[in-house]
């Protein structure tokens, strides 16, 4: 528990912020010392182009799934940042492209349409145009209204075009003399940035998962129905004591041979890792999770992760309040196995007692720690609202003195976070996990 020291998440955010600001300053110094350009419009276009490249590099780092960042910030927060940086990138790219065409049109004294056609015949410019078109297309399909109409797998496959756009943008910048070849310092700096970003992405998204799966050789050891529609899958493997997994984290699971290899689901660990096996528990809400009940023992498992910052690494207070909704009980149940000091209170929100998966295990673990479990049942439509500020304070009068862990459906999580803000629970004591990768 950390009372006075800098929290790991805060330290990671400061590290990332410092990295971004420092490189932005270097880029701007290189820009200001790079000459005047052919005209003012082209010079401004160059400014936006350099910052578009920097945003693309930052995008790669946000989705590289680097363990150090992920454990301290969390994939859900990094994904939100990735989304907003993406829309900033869109407007930066469009501004750069528009000003570049306008600048050359003024330079040559012709229309923008003729300039655009002429530039499309130049390899460096054509690559930039293709990159800009892909960034625009990805931004359009990522708008909330359209994205909700697409299946996640479809949206994700289309979203992968971003990596092609980044590759095209890299080639475009490499061929443009204003950035890579403007000076020796600029060449060294941009090569270092691109190599670092590409290396981090390939290492975190490809090399590390492949190496871990080759090393541990995950297999299904047992499939245990917990209740109607809820099943637990026990996964074993070699040298699992060396897998850096913690209670509260999740992994992305694939079951090739049972499902298509590209079908993957994020499931939390529903038991604290013990070095011998991993356990996931899922409710049958989709084709992949529904099929888990029929997994044959011995089925090969491909695992990406573990991921997530929903762990005791961020504890600041002796006592803990853990709030779970539905299947959000799985990481909370795993956290209850950790031998941490202080009392624990668990609020488990379900429609009915019949829907309370793993409740017997949770009750046993809470009792073993001398804590309290409140099973909160009833439909919100019937007026049951346990997470209104007054109701929450009545259940846990010392809520401001506890670390609060929240995991559940988005609407429940939002209601709890609003109540915690109203009750003035310090933000450093609030830890939330969202069921979303996009």
Protein backbone atom coordinates (compact mmCIF):
# COMPACT_ATOMS: atom_id res chain seq x y z
CA UNK A 1 0.00 0.00 0.00
CA UNK A 2 1.25 3.43 -0.96
CA UNK A 3 0.27 6.50 1.04
CA UNK A 4 2.95 9.07 0.22
CA UNK A 5 4.89 7.63 -2.71
CA UNK A 6 3.92 8.21 -6.33
CA UNK A 7 1.43 5.60 -7.51
CA UNK A 8 2.60 3.27 -10.31
CA UNK A 9 -0.15 4.53 -12.63
CA UNK A 10 0.74 8.16 -12.01
CA UNK A 11 4.43 7.43 -12.57
CA UNK A 12 3.64 5.69 -15.87
CA UNK A 13 1.48 8.60 -17.06
CA UNK A 14 4.20 11.10 -16.20
CA UNK A 15 6.79 8.95 -18.00
CA UNK A 16 4.64 8.72 -21.11
CA UNK A 17 3.75 12.42 -20.99
CA UNK A 18 7.40 13.41 -20.61
CA UNK A 19 8.35 11.20 -23.55
CA UNK A 20 5.69 12.76 -25.79
CA UNK A 21 6.38 16.37 -24.77
CA UNK A 22 10.16 15.96 -25.09
CA UNK A 23 9.88 14.52 -28.59
CA UNK A 24 7.36 17.18 -29.63
CA UNK A 25 9.81 19.86 -28.49
CA UNK A 26 12.64 18.21 -30.43
CA UNK A 27 10.48 18.05 -33.56
CA UNK A 28 9.57 21.72 -33.22
CA UNK A 29 13.20 22.76 -32.71
CA UNK A 30 14.18 20.78 -35.81
CA UNK A 31 11.32 22.44 -37.70
CA UNK A 32 12.27 25.98 -36.63
CA UNK A 33 15.90 25.44 -37.59
CA UNK A 34 15.04 23.76 -40.91
CA UNK A 35 14.81 26.83 -43.13
CA UNK A 36 11.94 28.83 -44.56
CA UNK A 37 10.60 26.48 -47.23
CA UNK A 38 9.20 27.37 -50.66
CA UNK A 39 6.33 29.43 -49.28
CA UNK A 40 4.53 30.02 -46.00
CA UNK A 41 1.65 27.66 -46.78
CA UNK A 42 3.97 24.75 -47.52
CA UNK A 43 5.94 25.55 -44.38
CA UNK A 44 2.78 25.32 -42.25
CA UNK A 45 1.82 22.11 -44.07
CA UNK A 46 5.20 20.68 -43.13
CA UNK A 47 4.58 21.61 -39.49
CA UNK A 48 1.31 19.65 -39.43
CA UNK A 49 2.90 16.76 -41.32
CA UNK A 50 5.68 16.36 -38.76
CA UNK A 51 3.18 16.36 -35.91
CA UNK A 52 0.98 13.85 -37.76
CA UNK A 53 3.99 11.51 -37.90
CA UNK A 54 4.53 12.01 -34.17
CA UNK A 55 0.88 11.18 -33.46
CA UNK A 56 1.17 7.99 -35.52
CA UNK A 57 4.19 6.93 -33.50
CA UNK A 58 2.27 7.59 -30.30
CA UNK A 59 -0.64 5.53 -31.66
CA UNK A 60 1.67 2.56 -32.12
CA UNK A 61 2.95 2.82 -28.56
CA UNK A 62 -0.58 3.03 -27.13
CA UNK A 63 -1.59 -0.28 -28.74
CA UNK A 64 1.78 -2.05 -28.41
CA UNK A 65 0.56 -3.72 -25.17
CA UNK A 66 3.87 -3.14 -23.46
CA UNK A 67 3.69 -4.97 -20.10
CA UNK A 68 5.20 -2.09 -18.11
CA UNK A 69 2.59 0.38 -19.35
CA UNK A 70 -0.35 -2.01 -19.35
CA UNK A 71 0.08 -3.11 -15.72
CA UNK A 72 0.25 0.49 -14.54
CA UNK A 73 -2.29 2.24 -16.76
CA UNK A 74 -4.54 -0.54 -18.05
CA UNK A 75 -5.53 -1.50 -21.57
CA UNK A 76 -8.98 0.09 -21.27
CA UNK A 77 -7.52 3.54 -20.53
CA UNK A 78 -4.79 3.16 -23.17
CA UNK A 79 -7.50 2.22 -25.69
CA UNK A 80 -9.50 5.36 -24.84
CA UNK A 81 -6.38 7.46 -25.37
CA UNK A 82 -5.76 5.64 -28.64
CA UNK A 83 -9.27 6.57 -29.81
CA UNK A 84 -8.91 10.28 -29.04
CA UNK A 85 -5.39 10.49 -30.44
CA UNK A 86 -6.81 8.84 -33.56
CA UNK A 87 -9.35 11.58 -34.13
CA UNK A 88 -6.68 14.22 -33.45
CA UNK A 89 -4.53 12.44 -36.03
CA UNK A 90 -7.39 12.60 -38.56
CA UNK A 91 -7.68 16.39 -38.41
CA UNK A 92 -3.91 16.84 -38.38
CA UNK A 93 -3.51 14.67 -41.48
CA UNK A 94 -6.36 16.41 -43.33
CA UNK A 95 -4.95 19.83 -42.45
CA UNK A 96 -1.49 18.78 -43.65
CA UNK A 97 -2.86 17.39 -46.93
CA UNK A 98 -5.07 20.40 -47.65
CA UNK A 99 -2.30 22.92 -46.95
CA UNK A 100 0.21 20.92 -49.01
CA UNK A 101 -2.06 20.97 -52.08
CA UNK A 102 -2.87 24.65 -51.52
CA UNK A 103 0.79 25.53 -51.09
CA UNK A 104 1.86 23.87 -54.35
CA UNK A 105 -1.16 25.38 -56.15
CA UNK A 106 -0.03 28.86 -55.07
CA UNK A 107 3.56 28.06 -55.97
CA UNK A 108 2.65 26.99 -59.49
CA UNK A 109 -0.25 29.40 -59.96
CA UNK A 110 -2.76 26.68 -60.88
CA UNK A 111 -5.96 25.32 -59.35
CA UNK A 112 -5.95 22.94 -56.40
CA UNK A 113 -7.65 20.27 -58.52
CA UNK A 114 -4.83 20.34 -61.12
CA UNK A 115 -2.24 20.39 -58.35
CA UNK A 116 -3.85 17.39 -56.66
CA UNK A 117 -3.81 15.44 -59.95
CA UNK A 118 -0.18 16.36 -60.54
CA UNK A 119 0.89 15.38 -57.01
CA UNK A 120 -0.82 12.01 -57.34
CA UNK A 121 1.76 11.16 -59.98
CA UNK A 122 4.65 11.74 -57.55
CA UNK A 123 5.46 8.57 -55.55
CA UNK A 124 6.10 10.36 -52.25
CA UNK A 125 2.87 12.37 -52.51
CA UNK A 126 0.82 9.37 -53.68
CA UNK A 127 1.91 7.39 -50.63
CA UNK A 128 0.85 10.26 -48.40
CA UNK A 129 -2.53 10.49 -50.14
CA UNK A 130 -3.17 6.78 -49.67
CA UNK A 131 -2.22 7.03 -45.99
CA UNK A 132 -4.56 10.01 -45.53
CA UNK A 133 -7.41 8.16 -47.27
CA UNK A 134 -6.99 5.13 -45.01
CA UNK A 135 -6.84 7.27 -41.85
CA UNK A 136 -10.06 9.00 -42.94
CA UNK A 137 -11.81 5.69 -43.67
CA UNK A 138 -10.79 4.25 -40.30
CA UNK A 139 -12.01 7.36 -38.50
CA UNK A 140 -15.38 7.13 -40.26
CA UNK A 141 -15.99 3.48 -39.27
CA UNK A 142 -14.82 4.28 -35.73
CA UNK A 143 -17.50 6.92 -35.19
CA UNK A 144 -19.78 5.58 -32.48
CA UNK A 145 -22.99 5.61 -34.51
CA UNK A 146 -21.49 3.57 -37.36
CA UNK A 147 -19.32 1.33 -35.19
CA UNK A 148 -22.37 0.14 -33.24
CA UNK A 149 -23.83 -1.22 -36.47
CA UNK A 150 -20.76 -3.39 -37.14
CA UNK A 151 -19.80 -6.66 -35.49
CA UNK A 152 -16.69 -6.25 -33.37
CA UNK A 153 -14.76 -8.75 -35.55
CA UNK A 154 -15.69 -6.80 -38.71
CA UNK A 155 -14.80 -3.44 -37.19
CA UNK A 156 -11.51 -4.82 -35.83
CA UNK A 157 -10.51 -6.29 -39.20
CA UNK A 158 -11.17 -2.96 -40.93
CA UNK A 159 -9.39 -1.09 -38.15
CA UNK A 160 -6.22 -3.08 -38.89
CA UNK A 161 -5.85 -0.90 -42.00
CA UNK A 162 -4.40 1.68 -39.62
CA UNK A 163 -1.13 -0.25 -39.62
CA UNK A 164 -1.04 -0.11 -43.42
CA UNK A 165 -1.69 3.63 -43.20
CA UNK A 166 1.20 4.05 -40.77
CA UNK A 167 3.48 2.06 -43.09
CA UNK A 168 2.50 4.25 -46.04
CA UNK A 169 3.01 7.39 -43.94
CA UNK A 170 6.48 6.18 -42.93
CA UNK A 171 7.42 5.65 -46.60
CA UNK A 172 5.95 9.08 -47.46
CA UNK A 173 8.02 10.77 -44.77
CA UNK A 174 11.12 8.83 -45.76
CA UNK A 175 10.89 10.16 -49.31
CA UNK A 176 10.19 13.75 -48.27
CA UNK A 177 13.41 15.79 -47.91
CA UNK A 178 11.86 18.19 -45.37
CA UNK A 179 11.89 15.69 -42.49
CA UNK A 180 14.24 12.73 -42.74
CA UNK A 181 16.89 14.46 -44.85
CA UNK A 182 16.61 18.04 -43.63
CA UNK A 183 19.58 17.63 -41.26
CA UNK A 184 21.72 14.94 -39.67
CA UNK A 185 20.03 15.53 -36.31
CA UNK A 186 16.60 15.18 -37.90
CA UNK A 187 17.59 11.96 -39.66
CA UNK A 188 18.92 10.41 -36.46
CA UNK A 189 15.92 11.52 -34.41
CA UNK A 190 13.23 10.28 -36.81
CA UNK A 191 14.95 6.95 -37.44
CA UNK A 192 15.30 6.42 -33.70
CA UNK A 193 11.61 7.22 -33.12
CA UNK A 194 10.30 4.98 -35.89
CA UNK A 195 12.56 2.07 -34.94
CA UNK A 196 11.55 2.40 -31.29
CA UNK A 197 7.82 2.53 -32.09
CA UNK A 198 7.89 -0.31 -34.62
CA UNK A 199 10.10 -2.37 -32.31
CA UNK A 200 7.77 -1.84 -29.35
CA UNK A 201 4.71 -2.75 -31.42
CA UNK A 202 6.22 -5.89 -32.97
CA UNK A 203 7.69 -6.94 -29.65
CA UNK A 204 4.50 -6.43 -27.63
CA UNK A 205 1.94 -7.65 -30.17
CA UNK A 206 3.82 -10.45 -31.93
CA UNK A 207 7.13 -11.54 -30.41
CA UNK A 208 6.07 -11.67 -26.74
CA UNK A 209 2.77 -13.58 -27.28
CA UNK A 210 4.43 -16.08 -29.65
CA UNK A 211 7.30 -16.64 -27.23
CA UNK A 212 4.99 -17.11 -24.23
CA UNK A 213 2.76 -19.60 -26.02
CA UNK A 214 5.77 -21.57 -27.26
CA UNK A 215 7.22 -21.58 -23.77
CA UNK A 216 4.11 -22.46 -21.74
CA UNK A 217 2.12 -24.61 -24.23
CA UNK A 218 -1.29 -23.90 -22.74
CA UNK A 219 -3.90 -26.69 -22.74
CA UNK A 220 -7.41 -27.14 -21.36
CA UNK A 221 -7.16 -29.19 -18.16
CA UNK A 222 -10.84 -29.20 -17.10
CA UNK A 223 -14.20 -27.66 -17.97
CA UNK A 224 -16.51 -27.10 -15.00
CA UNK A 225 -20.14 -25.87 -15.37
CA UNK A 226 -20.75 -23.42 -12.53
CA UNK A 227 -24.47 -22.79 -13.15
CA UNK A 228 -26.89 -22.37 -16.03
CA UNK A 229 -25.00 -20.47 -18.70
CA UNK A 230 -21.78 -20.06 -16.66
CA UNK A 231 -18.72 -22.24 -17.15
CA UNK A 232 -15.16 -22.25 -15.84
CA UNK A 233 -12.22 -23.43 -17.93
CA UNK A 234 -9.04 -24.54 -16.18
CA UNK A 235 -5.90 -24.12 -18.29
CA UNK A 236 -2.57 -25.69 -17.53
CA UNK A 237 0.86 -25.49 -19.14
CA UNK A 238 4.60 -25.67 -18.58
CA UNK A 239 6.45 -23.34 -16.20
CA UNK A 240 3.37 -21.34 -15.33
CA UNK A 241 5.12 -20.06 -12.22
CA UNK A 242 7.14 -17.88 -14.62
CA UNK A 243 4.09 -16.34 -16.27
CA UNK A 244 3.80 -12.78 -14.86
CA UNK A 245 0.08 -13.00 -14.08
CA UNK A 246 -1.67 -11.34 -11.14
CA UNK A 247 -5.11 -11.63 -9.62
CA UNK A 248 -7.47 -9.14 -11.25
CA UNK A 249 -5.90 -9.34 -14.70
CA UNK A 250 -7.40 -10.72 -17.89
CA UNK A 251 -6.08 -12.42 -21.00
CA UNK A 252 -7.22 -12.72 -24.60
CA UNK A 253 -8.05 -16.37 -25.24
CA UNK A 254 -8.20 -18.36 -28.47
CA UNK A 255 -9.16 -22.01 -28.84
CA UNK A 256 -7.96 -23.12 -32.31
CA UNK A 257 -9.51 -26.37 -33.42
CA UNK A 258 -12.65 -25.49 -31.48
CA UNK A 259 -13.16 -22.02 -32.95
CA UNK A 260 -11.55 -20.14 -35.82
CA UNK A 261 -8.11 -18.90 -34.84
CA UNK A 262 -9.12 -15.26 -35.38
CA UNK A 263 -11.99 -15.49 -32.86
CA UNK A 264 -10.72 -14.26 -29.52
CA UNK A 265 -12.34 -13.13 -26.29
CA UNK A 266 -11.03 -11.22 -23.29
CA UNK A 267 -11.82 -13.18 -20.12
CA UNK A 268 -10.63 -12.27 -16.64
CA UNK A 269 -8.78 -14.73 -14.45
CA UNK A 270 -11.41 -15.95 -11.99
CA UNK A 271 -8.82 -17.36 -9.59
CA UNK A 272 -5.48 -16.02 -8.44
CA UNK A 273 -2.64 -17.58 -10.47
CA UNK A 274 -0.93 -20.30 -8.42
CA UNK A 275 1.88 -21.28 -10.79
CA UNK A 276 0.14 -24.52 -11.76
CA UNK A 277 -3.01 -23.49 -13.64
CA UNK A 278 -5.13 -20.55 -14.78
CA UNK A 279 -8.90 -20.34 -14.57
CA UNK A 280 -11.34 -18.27 -16.60
CA UNK A 281 -15.08 -18.11 -15.99
CA UNK A 282 -17.51 -16.90 -18.63
CA UNK A 283 -21.24 -16.47 -19.13
CA UNK A 284 -22.70 -17.75 -22.41
CA UNK A 285 -23.53 -14.48 -24.16
CA UNK A 286 -21.89 -15.12 -27.54
CA UNK A 287 -20.92 -17.97 -29.83
CA UNK A 288 -17.39 -18.23 -28.44
CA UNK A 289 -18.27 -18.08 -24.74
CA UNK A 290 -21.30 -20.37 -25.21
CA UNK A 291 -19.09 -23.00 -26.83
CA UNK A 292 -16.66 -23.14 -23.90
CA UNK A 293 -18.88 -25.71 -22.19
CA UNK A 294 -18.04 -28.19 -24.94
CA UNK A 295 -14.27 -27.72 -24.99
CA UNK A 296 -12.52 -31.12 -24.97
CA UNK A 297 -9.87 -31.63 -22.31
CA UNK A 298 -6.45 -31.27 -23.90
CA UNK A 299 -7.57 -28.59 -26.38
CA UNK A 300 -4.75 -26.26 -27.29
CA UNK A 301 -5.13 -22.70 -26.02
CA UNK A 302 -3.49 -19.56 -27.36
CA UNK A 303 -3.17 -16.84 -24.73
CA UNK A 304 -2.31 -13.17 -25.12
CA UNK A 305 -1.52 -11.47 -21.87
CA UNK A 306 -2.01 -11.23 -19.01
CA UNK A 307 -3.19 -7.63 -19.27
CA UNK A 308 -4.82 -5.05 -17.04
CA UNK A 309 -4.15 -2.71 -14.12
CA UNK A 310 -7.06 -3.98 -11.98
CA UNK A 311 -4.66 -5.39 -9.39
CA UNK A 312 -3.45 -4.84 -5.84
CA UNK A 313 -0.37 -3.08 -7.28
CA UNK A 314 -2.40 0.14 -6.97
CA UNK A 315 -3.61 -0.30 -3.38
CA UNK A 316 -3.30 2.81 -1.22
CA UNK A 317 -5.46 2.02 1.86
CA UNK A 318 -5.69 -0.91 4.31
CA UNK A 319 -9.39 -1.55 3.68
CA UNK A 320 -10.99 -2.40 0.34
CA UNK A 321 -14.48 -2.15 -1.13
CA UNK A 322 -15.02 -4.40 -4.14
CA UNK A 323 -18.08 -3.79 -6.30
CA UNK A 324 -18.98 -6.31 -9.00
CA UNK A 325 -21.88 -6.62 -11.40
CA UNK A 326 -22.76 -9.90 -13.13
CA UNK A 327 -19.74 -11.68 -14.56
CA UNK A 328 -17.61 -8.77 -13.30
CA UNK A 329 -17.28 -10.86 -10.15
CA UNK A 330 -14.51 -12.92 -11.78
CA UNK A 331 -11.55 -10.54 -11.24
CA UNK A 332 -12.94 -9.57 -7.83
CA UNK A 333 -13.10 -13.23 -6.80
CA UNK A 334 -9.44 -13.62 -7.84
CA UNK A 335 -8.42 -10.52 -5.86
CA UNK A 336 -10.06 -11.96 -2.75
CA UNK A 337 -7.46 -14.74 -2.74
CA UNK A 338 -4.58 -12.35 -2.27
CA UNK A 339 -3.37 -12.16 1.36
CA UNK A 340 -3.68 -8.38 1.77
CA UNK A 341 -4.11 -6.61 5.10
CA UNK A 342 -7.28 -4.80 6.13
CA UNK A 343 -10.97 -5.57 6.01
CA UNK A 344 -12.89 -6.15 2.80
CA UNK A 345 -16.48 -5.44 1.80
CA UNK A 346 -17.94 -6.94 -1.38
CA UNK A 347 -21.06 -5.60 -3.09
CA UNK A 348 -22.27 -8.10 -5.69
CA UNK A 349 -25.01 -6.72 -7.97
CA UNK A 350 -27.19 -9.24 -9.84
CA UNK A 351 -30.76 -9.37 -11.06
CA UNK A 352 -31.53 -12.38 -8.84
CA UNK A 353 -29.65 -14.73 -6.52
CA UNK A 354 -29.87 -17.38 -9.25
CA UNK A 355 -27.67 -15.17 -11.47
CA UNK A 356 -24.90 -14.83 -8.87
CA UNK A 357 -22.07 -16.86 -10.42
CA UNK A 358 -19.33 -18.08 -8.05
CA UNK A 359 -21.24 -16.66 -5.08
CA UNK A 360 -20.40 -19.61 -2.79
CA UNK A 361 -16.69 -19.20 -3.49
CA UNK A 362 -16.93 -15.45 -2.92
CA UNK A 363 -18.83 -15.94 0.34
CA UNK A 364 -16.20 -18.40 1.60
CA UNK A 365 -13.27 -16.12 0.68
CA UNK A 366 -14.91 -13.06 2.25
CA UNK A 367 -15.67 -14.97 5.46
CA UNK A 368 -12.08 -16.23 5.64
CA UNK A 369 -10.91 -12.61 5.63
CA UNK A 370 -13.47 -11.49 8.18
CA UNK A 371 -15.21 -9.30 5.64
CA UNK A 372 -18.80 -8.65 4.57
CA UNK A 373 -20.66 -9.69 1.44
CA UNK A 374 -23.81 -7.87 0.30
CA UNK A 375 -25.71 -9.64 -2.47
CA UNK A 376 -27.69 -6.84 -4.12
CA UNK A 377 -30.60 -8.24 -6.12
CA UNK A 378 -33.54 -6.74 -7.98
CA UNK A 379 -34.10 -4.94 -11.26
CA UNK A 380 -33.21 -1.27 -11.65
CA UNK A 381 -36.47 -0.80 -13.55
CA UNK A 382 -38.28 -1.74 -10.34
CA UNK A 383 -36.55 1.08 -8.46
CA UNK A 384 -33.64 -0.90 -6.99
CA UNK A 385 -30.71 1.50 -7.09
CA UNK A 386 -28.09 0.48 -4.51
CA UNK A 387 -25.39 2.65 -6.04
CA UNK A 388 -26.99 6.02 -5.51
CA UNK A 389 -24.68 8.01 -3.22
CA UNK A 390 -26.92 7.79 -0.14
CA UNK A 391 -27.52 4.05 -0.54
CA UNK A 392 -23.85 3.32 -1.14
CA UNK A 393 -22.83 5.32 1.92
CA UNK A 394 -25.41 3.48 4.02
CA UNK A 395 -23.95 0.13 2.97
CA UNK A 396 -20.31 1.21 3.48
CA UNK A 397 -20.12 4.24 5.82
CA UNK A 398 -16.30 4.35 5.66
CA UNK A 399 -16.16 4.22 1.86
CA UNK A 400 -13.84 7.24 1.68
CA UNK A 401 -11.25 5.35 3.75
CA UNK A 402 -11.09 2.37 1.39
CA UNK A 403 -9.67 1.47 -1.98
CA UNK A 404 -12.64 0.84 -4.26
CA UNK A 405 -12.48 -1.74 -7.05
CA UNK A 406 -15.34 -1.63 -9.58
CA UNK A 407 -15.98 -4.15 -12.34
CA UNK A 408 -19.25 -4.67 -14.17
CA UNK A 409 -21.42 -3.56 -17.08
CA UNK A 410 -20.75 -0.02 -18.37
CA UNK A 411 -23.99 1.44 -16.98
CA UNK A 412 -23.35 0.05 -13.51
CA UNK A 413 -19.70 1.13 -13.55
CA UNK A 414 -20.69 4.66 -14.59
CA UNK A 415 -23.30 4.86 -11.80
CA UNK A 416 -20.80 3.70 -9.19
CA UNK A 417 -18.10 6.12 -10.35
CA UNK A 418 -20.59 9.01 -10.25
CA UNK A 419 -21.58 8.05 -6.71
CA UNK A 420 -17.95 7.82 -5.59
CA UNK A 421 -17.28 11.32 -6.95
CA UNK A 422 -20.34 12.64 -5.12
CA UNK A 423 -19.11 10.99 -1.90
CA UNK A 424 -15.69 12.59 -2.49
CA UNK A 425 -13.73 9.34 -2.57
CA UNK A 426 -10.19 10.35 -3.69
CA UNK A 427 -9.54 9.41 -7.31
CA UNK A 428 -6.31 7.62 -6.37
CA UNK A 429 -8.39 5.14 -4.35
CA UNK A 430 -10.75 4.24 -7.23
CA UNK A 431 -9.87 1.41 -9.62
CA UNK A 432 -12.26 0.40 -12.41
CA UNK A 433 -12.17 -2.27 -15.08
CA UNK A 434 -14.32 -1.95 -18.21
CA UNK A 435 -15.55 -4.80 -20.39
CA UNK A 436 -14.23 -3.38 -23.64
CA UNK A 437 -11.19 -3.47 -25.88
CA UNK A 438 -12.46 -0.94 -28.41
